[in-house]
């Protein structure tokens, strides 16, 4: 009987941790998506400034690098969220 209660507590704790991870990573994806939009705007603005002679090619490349980095960060955040959702599904006894 004591073993069963301990097992139930362990499962409840695992579900709570998995859920908290999903919530946290969902927010991370949202923030990464916002950062991506900002980086896209940065490329647009630096390209316009270059065309107007107010920016250098280096500034445009830097903005492009930030955009690439933002895309990679978003992809990684989405992957982490998918994994966390699968772990939550497993913790609540979902199917394989």
N, C-alpha and C. Protein backbone atom coordinates (compact mmCIF):
# COMPACT_ATOMS: atom_id res chain seq x y z
N UNK A 1 0.82 -1.21 0.00
CA UNK A 1 0.00 0.00 0.00
C UNK A 1 0.86 1.27 0.00
N UNK A 2 1.91 1.26 0.80
CA UNK A 2 2.82 2.41 0.84
C UNK A 2 3.52 2.56 -0.51
N UNK A 3 3.90 1.45 -1.11
CA UNK A 3 4.56 1.49 -2.41
C UNK A 3 3.67 2.09 -3.48
N UNK A 4 2.39 1.78 -3.42
CA UNK A 4 1.44 2.33 -4.40
C UNK A 4 1.32 3.84 -4.23
N UNK A 5 1.24 4.30 -3.01
CA UNK A 5 1.13 5.74 -2.75
C UNK A 5 2.37 6.46 -3.23
N UNK A 6 3.53 5.87 -3.01
CA UNK A 6 4.78 6.48 -3.48
C UNK A 6 4.81 6.53 -5.01
N UNK A 7 4.37 5.46 -5.64
CA UNK A 7 4.34 5.43 -7.10
C UNK A 7 3.40 6.50 -7.65
N UNK A 8 2.25 6.66 -7.00
CA UNK A 8 1.30 7.68 -7.44
C UNK A 8 1.89 9.08 -7.29
N UNK A 9 2.60 9.31 -6.19
CA UNK A 9 3.24 10.60 -5.98
C UNK A 9 4.33 10.86 -7.03
N UNK A 10 5.08 9.82 -7.34
CA UNK A 10 6.13 9.96 -8.35
C UNK A 10 5.53 10.29 -9.72
N UNK A 11 4.45 9.61 -10.06
CA UNK A 11 3.80 9.87 -11.34
C UNK A 11 3.24 11.29 -11.37
N UNK A 12 2.60 11.70 -10.28
CA UNK A 12 2.05 13.06 -10.22
C UNK A 12 3.16 14.10 -10.35
N UNK A 13 4.28 13.86 -9.69
CA UNK A 13 5.40 14.80 -9.78
C UNK A 13 5.97 14.83 -11.19
N UNK A 14 6.06 13.68 -11.82
CA UNK A 14 6.58 13.62 -13.19
C UNK A 14 5.66 14.35 -14.15
N UNK A 15 4.36 14.17 -13.99
CA UNK A 15 3.39 14.86 -14.84
C UNK A 15 3.49 16.37 -14.63
N UNK A 16 3.60 16.78 -13.38
CA UNK A 16 3.70 18.22 -13.08
C UNK A 16 4.96 18.81 -13.70
N UNK A 17 6.09 18.10 -13.59
CA UNK A 17 7.34 18.59 -14.20
C UNK A 17 7.21 18.67 -15.72
N UNK A 18 6.64 17.63 -16.30
CA UNK A 18 6.50 17.59 -17.76
C UNK A 18 5.59 18.71 -18.23
N UNK A 19 4.51 18.95 -17.50
CA UNK A 19 3.59 20.02 -17.87
C UNK A 19 4.27 21.39 -17.76
N UNK A 20 5.00 21.60 -16.68
CA UNK A 20 5.71 22.87 -16.50
C UNK A 20 6.72 23.09 -17.62
N UNK A 21 7.36 22.03 -18.05
CA UNK A 21 8.31 22.13 -19.15
C UNK A 21 7.60 22.53 -20.44
N UNK A 22 6.45 21.93 -20.70
CA UNK A 22 5.69 22.28 -21.91
C UNK A 22 5.27 23.75 -21.87
N UNK A 23 4.80 24.20 -20.73
CA UNK A 23 4.39 25.61 -20.60
C UNK A 23 5.58 26.53 -20.86
N UNK A 24 6.70 26.21 -20.24
CA UNK A 24 7.91 27.03 -20.40
C UNK A 24 8.39 27.05 -21.84
N UNK A 25 8.42 25.89 -22.47
CA UNK A 25 8.90 25.82 -23.85
C UNK A 25 7.92 26.45 -24.83
N UNK A 26 6.64 26.41 -24.51
CA UNK A 26 5.65 27.10 -25.36
C UNK A 26 5.95 28.59 -25.37
N UNK A 27 6.26 29.13 -24.20
CA UNK A 27 6.61 30.56 -24.11
C UNK A 27 7.91 30.83 -24.85
N UNK A 28 8.84 29.90 -24.77
CA UNK A 28 10.12 30.05 -25.47
C UNK A 28 9.90 30.10 -26.99
N UNK A 29 9.01 29.27 -27.49
CA UNK A 29 8.70 29.29 -28.92
C UNK A 29 8.07 30.63 -29.30
N UNK A 30 7.16 31.11 -28.47
CA UNK A 30 6.52 32.40 -28.74
C UNK A 30 7.56 33.53 -28.80
N UNK A 31 8.47 33.54 -27.84
CA UNK A 31 9.51 34.57 -27.81
C UNK A 31 10.45 34.43 -29.01
N UNK A 32 10.79 33.20 -29.35
CA UNK A 32 11.66 32.98 -30.51
C UNK A 32 10.99 33.44 -31.79
N UNK A 33 9.69 33.25 -31.87
CA UNK A 33 8.93 33.70 -33.04
C UNK A 33 8.94 35.23 -33.12
N UNK A 34 8.80 35.89 -31.98
CA UNK A 34 8.87 37.35 -31.95
C UNK A 34 10.27 37.84 -32.34
N UNK A 35 11.29 37.16 -31.85
CA UNK A 35 12.66 37.53 -32.20
C UNK A 35 12.91 37.35 -33.69
N UNK A 36 12.32 36.31 -34.27
CA UNK A 36 12.46 36.09 -35.71
C UNK A 36 11.83 37.25 -36.48
N UNK A 37 10.64 37.67 -36.07
CA UNK A 37 9.98 38.79 -36.74
C UNK A 37 10.83 40.06 -36.63
N UNK A 38 11.43 40.26 -35.49
CA UNK A 38 12.30 41.42 -35.29
C UNK A 38 13.53 41.34 -36.19
N UNK A 39 14.10 40.15 -36.30
CA UNK A 39 15.28 39.97 -37.16
C UNK A 39 14.93 40.17 -38.63
N UNK A 40 13.74 39.71 -39.03
CA UNK A 40 13.30 39.93 -40.42
C UNK A 40 13.16 41.43 -40.69
N UNK A 41 12.61 42.14 -39.73
CA UNK A 41 12.47 43.59 -39.88
C UNK A 41 13.85 44.26 -39.93
N UNK A 42 14.79 43.75 -39.15
CA UNK A 42 16.15 44.28 -39.17
C UNK A 42 16.80 44.14 -40.53
N UNK A 43 16.59 43.00 -41.18
CA UNK A 43 17.14 42.80 -42.53
C UNK A 43 16.48 43.76 -43.50
N UNK A 44 15.17 43.89 -43.39
CA UNK A 44 14.45 44.79 -44.29
C UNK A 44 14.96 46.23 -44.13
N UNK A 45 15.08 46.67 -42.90
CA UNK A 45 15.52 48.04 -42.65
C UNK A 45 16.97 48.27 -43.09
N UNK A 46 17.84 47.32 -42.80
CA UNK A 46 19.24 47.51 -43.18
C UNK A 46 19.40 47.49 -44.70
N UNK A 47 18.59 46.69 -45.37
CA UNK A 47 18.63 46.66 -46.83
C UNK A 47 18.14 47.99 -47.41
N UNK A 48 17.08 48.53 -46.83
CA UNK A 48 16.59 49.84 -47.26
C UNK A 48 17.65 50.92 -47.02
N UNK A 49 18.28 50.86 -45.86
CA UNK A 49 19.32 51.84 -45.53
C UNK A 49 20.51 51.72 -46.48
N UNK A 50 20.84 50.49 -46.85
CA UNK A 50 21.93 50.28 -47.80
C UNK A 50 21.57 50.92 -49.14
N UNK A 51 20.34 50.71 -49.58
CA UNK A 51 19.90 51.30 -50.83
C UNK A 51 19.92 52.81 -50.82
N UNK A 52 19.72 53.38 -49.64
CA UNK A 52 19.72 54.84 -49.51
C UNK A 52 21.12 55.38 -49.20
N UNK A 53 22.08 54.48 -49.12
CA UNK A 53 23.45 54.90 -48.83
C UNK A 53 23.72 55.20 -47.37
N UNK A 54 22.81 54.79 -46.50
CA UNK A 54 22.94 55.08 -45.07
C UNK A 54 23.45 53.88 -44.27
N UNK A 55 23.73 52.78 -44.94
CA UNK A 55 24.23 51.58 -44.25
C UNK A 55 25.30 50.94 -45.12
N UNK A 56 26.07 50.08 -44.51
CA UNK A 56 27.10 49.36 -45.26
C UNK A 56 26.65 47.93 -45.52
N UNK A 57 27.35 47.29 -46.43
CA UNK A 57 27.07 45.89 -46.72
C UNK A 57 27.28 45.04 -45.47
N UNK A 58 28.24 45.43 -44.65
CA UNK A 58 28.51 44.71 -43.40
C UNK A 58 27.30 44.74 -42.48
N UNK A 59 26.61 45.86 -42.41
CA UNK A 59 25.41 45.96 -41.57
C UNK A 59 24.32 45.02 -42.08
N UNK A 60 24.19 44.94 -43.39
CA UNK A 60 23.18 44.04 -43.97
C UNK A 60 23.55 42.59 -43.68
N UNK A 61 24.82 42.26 -43.81
CA UNK A 61 25.26 40.89 -43.52
C UNK A 61 25.07 40.55 -42.06
N UNK A 62 25.34 41.51 -41.18
CA UNK A 62 25.13 41.30 -39.75
C UNK A 62 23.66 41.04 -39.46
N UNK A 63 22.79 41.82 -40.07
CA UNK A 63 21.35 41.62 -39.90
C UNK A 63 20.92 40.26 -40.44
N UNK A 64 21.51 39.86 -41.56
CA UNK A 64 21.19 38.55 -42.14
C UNK A 64 21.66 37.42 -41.24
N UNK A 65 22.81 37.61 -40.62
CA UNK A 65 23.32 36.60 -39.68
C UNK A 65 22.40 36.48 -38.48
N UNK A 66 21.92 37.61 -37.98
CA UNK A 66 20.97 37.59 -36.86
C UNK A 66 19.68 36.89 -37.26
N UNK A 67 19.26 37.09 -38.50
CA UNK A 67 18.05 36.42 -38.99
C UNK A 67 18.26 34.91 -39.03
N UNK A 68 19.38 34.48 -39.56
CA UNK A 68 19.68 33.05 -39.62
C UNK A 68 19.73 32.45 -38.22
N UNK A 69 20.37 33.15 -37.31
CA UNK A 69 20.45 32.69 -35.92
C UNK A 69 19.06 32.61 -35.29
N UNK A 70 18.21 33.58 -35.56
CA UNK A 70 16.85 33.57 -35.03
C UNK A 70 16.05 32.40 -35.57
N UNK A 71 16.23 32.11 -36.84
CA UNK A 71 15.54 30.96 -37.44
C UNK A 71 15.98 29.66 -36.77
N UNK A 72 17.27 29.51 -36.57
CA UNK A 72 17.80 28.30 -35.94
C UNK A 72 17.29 28.18 -34.50
N UNK A 73 17.27 29.28 -33.78
CA UNK A 73 16.77 29.26 -32.41
C UNK A 73 15.31 28.84 -32.37
N UNK A 74 14.52 29.35 -33.30
CA UNK A 74 13.10 28.98 -33.36
C UNK A 74 12.93 27.51 -33.68
N UNK A 75 13.68 27.00 -34.63
CA UNK A 75 13.59 25.57 -34.97
C UNK A 75 13.94 24.72 -33.75
N UNK A 76 15.02 25.07 -33.07
CA UNK A 76 15.42 24.31 -31.88
C UNK A 76 14.37 24.39 -30.78
N UNK A 77 13.77 25.55 -30.60
CA UNK A 77 12.72 25.70 -29.59
C UNK A 77 11.51 24.84 -29.94
N UNK A 78 11.16 24.79 -31.21
CA UNK A 78 10.03 23.96 -31.64
C UNK A 78 10.33 22.48 -31.43
N UNK A 79 11.54 22.07 -31.73
CA UNK A 79 11.93 20.67 -31.51
C UNK A 79 11.86 20.33 -30.03
N UNK A 80 12.40 21.21 -29.19
CA UNK A 80 12.35 20.98 -27.74
C UNK A 80 10.91 20.87 -27.26
N UNK A 81 10.02 21.69 -27.81
CA UNK A 81 8.61 21.65 -27.41
C UNK A 81 7.96 20.34 -27.85
N UNK A 82 8.26 19.88 -29.04
CA UNK A 82 7.72 18.60 -29.51
C UNK A 82 8.15 17.47 -28.58
N UNK A 83 9.42 17.47 -28.21
CA UNK A 83 9.93 16.44 -27.30
C UNK A 83 9.24 16.54 -25.94
N UNK A 84 9.10 17.75 -25.44
CA UNK A 84 8.45 17.94 -24.13
C UNK A 84 7.00 17.48 -24.16
N UNK A 85 6.31 17.75 -25.25
CA UNK A 85 4.92 17.29 -25.37
C UNK A 85 4.85 15.77 -25.39
N UNK A 86 5.80 15.14 -26.08
CA UNK A 86 5.84 13.67 -26.10
C UNK A 86 6.11 13.12 -24.70
N UNK A 87 7.00 13.78 -23.97
CA UNK A 87 7.30 13.34 -22.60
C UNK A 87 6.08 13.53 -21.69
N UNK A 88 5.35 14.61 -21.87
CA UNK A 88 4.13 14.82 -21.10
C UNK A 88 3.10 13.74 -21.45
N UNK A 89 2.96 13.45 -22.72
CA UNK A 89 2.04 12.41 -23.16
C UNK A 89 2.39 11.07 -22.52
N UNK A 90 3.68 10.76 -22.49
CA UNK A 90 4.13 9.52 -21.87
C UNK A 90 3.84 9.54 -20.37
N UNK A 91 4.09 10.68 -19.72
CA UNK A 91 3.90 10.79 -18.27
C UNK A 91 2.44 10.59 -17.87
N UNK A 92 1.52 11.03 -18.71
CA UNK A 92 0.10 10.86 -18.38
C UNK A 92 -0.45 9.53 -18.87
N UNK A 93 0.43 8.71 -19.42
CA UNK A 93 0.01 7.37 -19.83
C UNK A 93 -0.52 7.31 -21.24
N UNK A 94 -0.13 8.28 -22.06
CA UNK A 94 -0.56 8.29 -23.46
C UNK A 94 0.06 7.15 -24.24
N UNK A 95 -0.49 6.89 -25.37
CA UNK A 95 0.02 5.81 -26.22
C UNK A 95 1.38 6.12 -26.78
N UNK A 96 2.02 5.11 -27.27
CA UNK A 96 3.33 5.26 -27.88
C UNK A 96 3.12 5.81 -29.25
